[in-house]
N, C-alpha and C. Protein backbone atom coordinates (compact mmCIF):
# COMPACT_ATOMS: atom_id res chain seq x y z
N MET A 1 -45.49 5.83 -21.38
CA MET A 1 -45.79 6.77 -20.13
C MET A 1 -45.38 7.90 -20.11
N THR A 2 -46.16 9.04 -19.76
CA THR A 2 -45.32 10.45 -19.36
C THR A 2 -44.39 10.61 -18.16
N ASN A 3 -43.92 10.99 -17.64
CA ASN A 3 -42.92 11.61 -16.94
C ASN A 3 -43.47 12.62 -15.94
N LYS A 4 -44.74 12.32 -15.35
CA LYS A 4 -45.45 13.53 -14.66
C LYS A 4 -45.00 13.10 -12.94
N LYS A 5 -44.90 14.33 -12.53
CA LYS A 5 -44.57 14.53 -11.32
C LYS A 5 -45.29 14.49 -9.98
N LEU A 6 -45.18 14.70 -8.59
CA LEU A 6 -45.64 14.41 -8.02
C LEU A 6 -46.85 15.70 -7.72
N ARG A 7 -46.13 16.89 -8.03
CA ARG A 7 -47.41 18.01 -8.48
C ARG A 7 -48.87 17.89 -9.37
N ASP A 8 -48.17 16.98 -10.47
CA ASP A 8 -49.58 16.70 -11.74
C ASP A 8 -50.13 15.84 -11.05
N TYR A 9 -49.81 15.01 -10.48
CA TYR A 9 -50.69 14.59 -10.16
C TYR A 9 -51.77 14.63 -9.03
N MET A 10 -51.37 15.58 -8.08
CA MET A 10 -51.97 16.31 -6.81
C MET A 10 -53.18 17.30 -7.84
N LEU A 11 -52.60 18.30 -8.75
CA LEU A 11 -53.31 18.69 -9.50
C LEU A 11 -54.67 17.90 -10.16
N GLU A 12 -54.51 17.04 -10.78
CA GLU A 12 -55.54 16.33 -11.18
C GLU A 12 -56.02 15.66 -10.17
N LEU A 13 -55.61 15.08 -9.00
CA LEU A 13 -57.02 15.32 -7.82
C LEU A 13 -57.49 16.03 -7.26
N LYS A 14 -57.09 17.05 -7.45
CA LYS A 14 -57.52 18.33 -7.14
C LYS A 14 -58.43 18.48 -8.22
N ARG A 15 -58.35 18.86 -9.42
CA ARG A 15 -59.40 19.14 -10.76
C ARG A 15 -60.59 17.98 -9.80
N SER A 16 -60.37 16.77 -9.91
CA SER A 16 -61.27 15.44 -9.60
C SER A 16 -61.88 15.82 -9.05
N ALA A 17 -61.52 16.27 -7.21
CA ALA A 17 -62.26 16.11 -6.43
C ALA A 17 -63.23 17.28 -6.21
N GLN A 18 -62.86 18.16 -7.03
CA GLN A 18 -64.10 19.68 -7.49
C GLN A 18 -64.61 19.23 -8.31
N LEU A 19 -64.65 18.45 -9.66
CA LEU A 19 -65.37 17.93 -10.63
C LEU A 19 -66.61 16.88 -9.62
N VAL A 20 -66.39 15.99 -8.54
CA VAL A 20 -67.33 15.53 -8.09
C VAL A 20 -68.10 16.18 -6.72
N ASP A 21 -67.33 16.92 -6.30
CA ASP A 21 -67.74 17.87 -5.16
C ASP A 21 -69.19 18.93 -5.82
N ASP A 22 -69.16 19.36 -7.46
CA ASP A 22 -69.91 20.28 -7.86
C ASP A 22 -71.05 19.56 -8.22
N PRO A 23 -72.14 20.03 -7.50
CA PRO A 23 -73.66 19.59 -8.21
C PRO A 23 -74.10 19.55 -9.50
N GLU A 24 -73.64 20.32 -10.36
CA GLU A 24 -73.97 20.61 -11.60
C GLU A 24 -73.09 20.15 -12.68
N THR A 25 -72.23 18.63 -12.12
CA THR A 25 -71.56 17.51 -12.53
C THR A 25 -72.61 16.43 -13.12
N PRO A 26 -72.28 16.20 -14.51
CA PRO A 26 -73.43 15.36 -14.84
C PRO A 26 -72.68 13.83 -14.06
N LEU A 27 -73.52 13.14 -14.06
CA LEU A 27 -73.33 11.90 -13.49
C LEU A 27 -72.45 10.98 -13.62
N GLU A 28 -72.22 10.93 -14.79
CA GLU A 28 -71.38 9.91 -15.34
C GLU A 28 -70.09 10.82 -15.85
N GLU A 29 -70.38 12.38 -15.72
CA GLU A 29 -68.87 12.92 -15.87
C GLU A 29 -68.19 12.74 -14.32
N ALA A 30 -69.43 12.98 -13.50
CA ALA A 30 -68.50 12.48 -11.83
C ALA A 30 -67.84 11.36 -11.89
N ILE A 31 -68.52 10.60 -12.13
CA ILE A 31 -67.78 9.25 -12.13
C ILE A 31 -66.61 8.92 -12.55
N ALA A 32 -66.31 9.32 -14.09
CA ALA A 32 -64.92 9.31 -14.44
C ALA A 32 -63.92 10.24 -14.06
N ALA A 33 -64.41 11.46 -13.49
CA ALA A 33 -63.46 12.50 -12.47
C ALA A 33 -63.34 11.66 -11.13
N TYR A 34 -64.28 10.85 -10.69
CA TYR A 34 -63.96 9.91 -9.45
C TYR A 34 -62.87 8.59 -9.85
N GLN A 35 -62.69 7.99 -10.93
CA GLN A 35 -61.92 7.21 -11.43
C GLN A 35 -60.16 7.61 -11.84
N ALA A 36 -60.71 8.64 -12.41
CA ALA A 36 -59.18 9.42 -12.80
C ALA A 36 -58.72 10.16 -11.39
N GLY A 37 -59.37 10.48 -10.40
CA GLY A 37 -59.05 11.23 -9.08
C GLY A 37 -58.70 10.01 -8.71
N ALA A 38 -58.96 8.69 -8.25
CA ALA A 38 -58.54 7.58 -7.51
C ALA A 38 -57.03 6.93 -8.32
N GLU A 39 -56.68 7.09 -9.79
CA GLU A 39 -55.41 6.60 -10.49
C GLU A 39 -54.05 7.96 -9.83
N ALA A 40 -55.12 9.11 -9.99
CA ALA A 40 -53.68 10.06 -9.63
C ALA A 40 -53.18 10.05 -8.02
N TYR A 41 -54.74 9.46 -7.60
CA TYR A 41 -54.00 8.98 -5.74
C TYR A 41 -53.21 7.97 -5.21
N GLN A 42 -53.57 6.80 -6.64
CA GLN A 42 -52.86 5.92 -6.66
C GLN A 42 -51.02 6.48 -6.91
N LYS A 43 -51.05 7.17 -7.91
CA LYS A 43 -50.00 7.58 -8.56
C LYS A 43 -48.75 8.52 -7.41
N CYS A 44 -49.89 9.44 -6.85
CA CYS A 44 -49.09 10.14 -5.71
C CYS A 44 -48.34 9.28 -4.54
N MET A 45 -49.54 8.25 -4.27
CA MET A 45 -48.73 7.05 -3.01
C MET A 45 -47.62 6.64 -3.61
N ALA A 46 -47.31 6.24 -5.34
CA ALA A 46 -46.59 5.57 -5.57
C ALA A 46 -45.28 6.46 -5.45
N ILE A 47 -45.22 7.41 -5.81
CA ILE A 47 -43.96 8.27 -5.84
C ILE A 47 -43.62 8.91 -4.32
N LEU A 48 -44.92 9.08 -3.49
CA LEU A 48 -44.23 8.98 -1.71
C LEU A 48 -43.66 8.06 -1.47
N GLU A 49 -44.12 6.49 -1.88
CA GLU A 49 -42.99 5.09 -0.78
C GLU A 49 -42.12 5.46 -1.77
N SER A 50 -41.85 5.60 -2.86
CA SER A 50 -40.81 5.82 -3.61
C SER A 50 -39.51 6.74 -2.78
N ALA A 51 -40.11 7.79 -2.73
CA ALA A 51 -39.22 8.62 -1.93
C ALA A 51 -38.91 8.37 -0.62
N GLU A 52 -40.21 7.36 -0.11
CA GLU A 52 -39.60 7.37 1.30
C GLU A 52 -38.53 6.15 1.71
N GLN A 53 -38.41 5.18 0.40
CA GLN A 53 -37.61 4.24 0.76
C GLN A 53 -36.17 4.77 -0.05
N LYS A 54 -36.33 5.70 -0.75
CA LYS A 54 -34.63 6.51 -0.32
C LYS A 54 -34.13 7.19 0.59
N ILE A 55 -35.49 7.83 1.30
CA ILE A 55 -34.52 8.80 2.58
C ILE A 55 -34.47 7.26 3.67
N LYS A 56 -35.11 6.64 3.54
CA LYS A 56 -34.50 5.26 4.25
C LYS A 56 -32.94 4.62 3.69
N VAL A 57 -33.26 4.52 2.66
CA VAL A 57 -31.77 3.94 2.57
C VAL A 57 -30.91 5.07 2.50
N ILE A 58 -30.90 6.53 2.67
CA ILE A 58 -30.37 7.98 2.91
C ILE A 58 -29.93 7.53 4.38
N ASP A 59 -30.80 7.37 5.14
CA ASP A 59 -30.72 7.66 6.44
C ASP A 59 -29.76 6.14 6.88
N GLU A 60 -30.12 4.98 6.52
CA GLU A 60 -29.79 4.37 6.70
C GLU A 60 -27.66 4.20 6.69
N SER A 61 -27.42 4.51 5.87
CA SER A 61 -26.31 4.81 4.96
C SER A 61 -25.23 6.13 5.77
N LEU A 62 -26.10 7.05 6.31
CA LEU A 62 -25.35 7.83 7.18
C LEU A 62 -25.16 7.10 8.50
N GLN A 63 -26.32 6.64 8.90
CA GLN A 63 -25.76 5.88 10.41
C GLN A 63 -24.77 4.93 10.10
N SER A 64 -24.78 4.11 9.65
CA SER A 64 -23.59 2.82 9.16
C SER A 64 -22.16 4.06 8.41
N GLY A 65 -22.11 5.52 8.73
CA GLY A 65 -20.73 5.84 8.48
C GLY A 65 -20.71 6.06 6.44
N GLU A 66 -21.60 5.64 5.88
CA GLU A 66 -20.70 5.12 4.50
C GLU A 66 -21.18 6.51 3.85
N ARG A 67 -20.84 7.22 2.72
CA ARG A 67 -20.75 8.48 2.49
C ARG A 67 -20.95 8.31 1.24
N ASP A 68 -20.99 7.70 0.43
CA ASP A 68 -21.58 7.36 -0.96
C ASP A 68 -22.93 6.68 -0.83
N VAL A 69 -23.69 7.35 -1.34
CA VAL A 69 -25.28 6.65 -1.71
C VAL A 69 -25.74 6.49 -2.95
């Protein structure tokens, strides 16, 4: 598995959306782009959910007066 970042997946999602939206894109290619976009979207969401959990842990730690996270 590669070590891609949120930005990389967002760019993949954007490229996929552009291909799907382009009326010149052949149907099979548009379907493949849609699938790639859906996968990139899922990866973006996983990264964002992980970040949200980390932020919650930090916030809870700060609220309880702890200094080490």
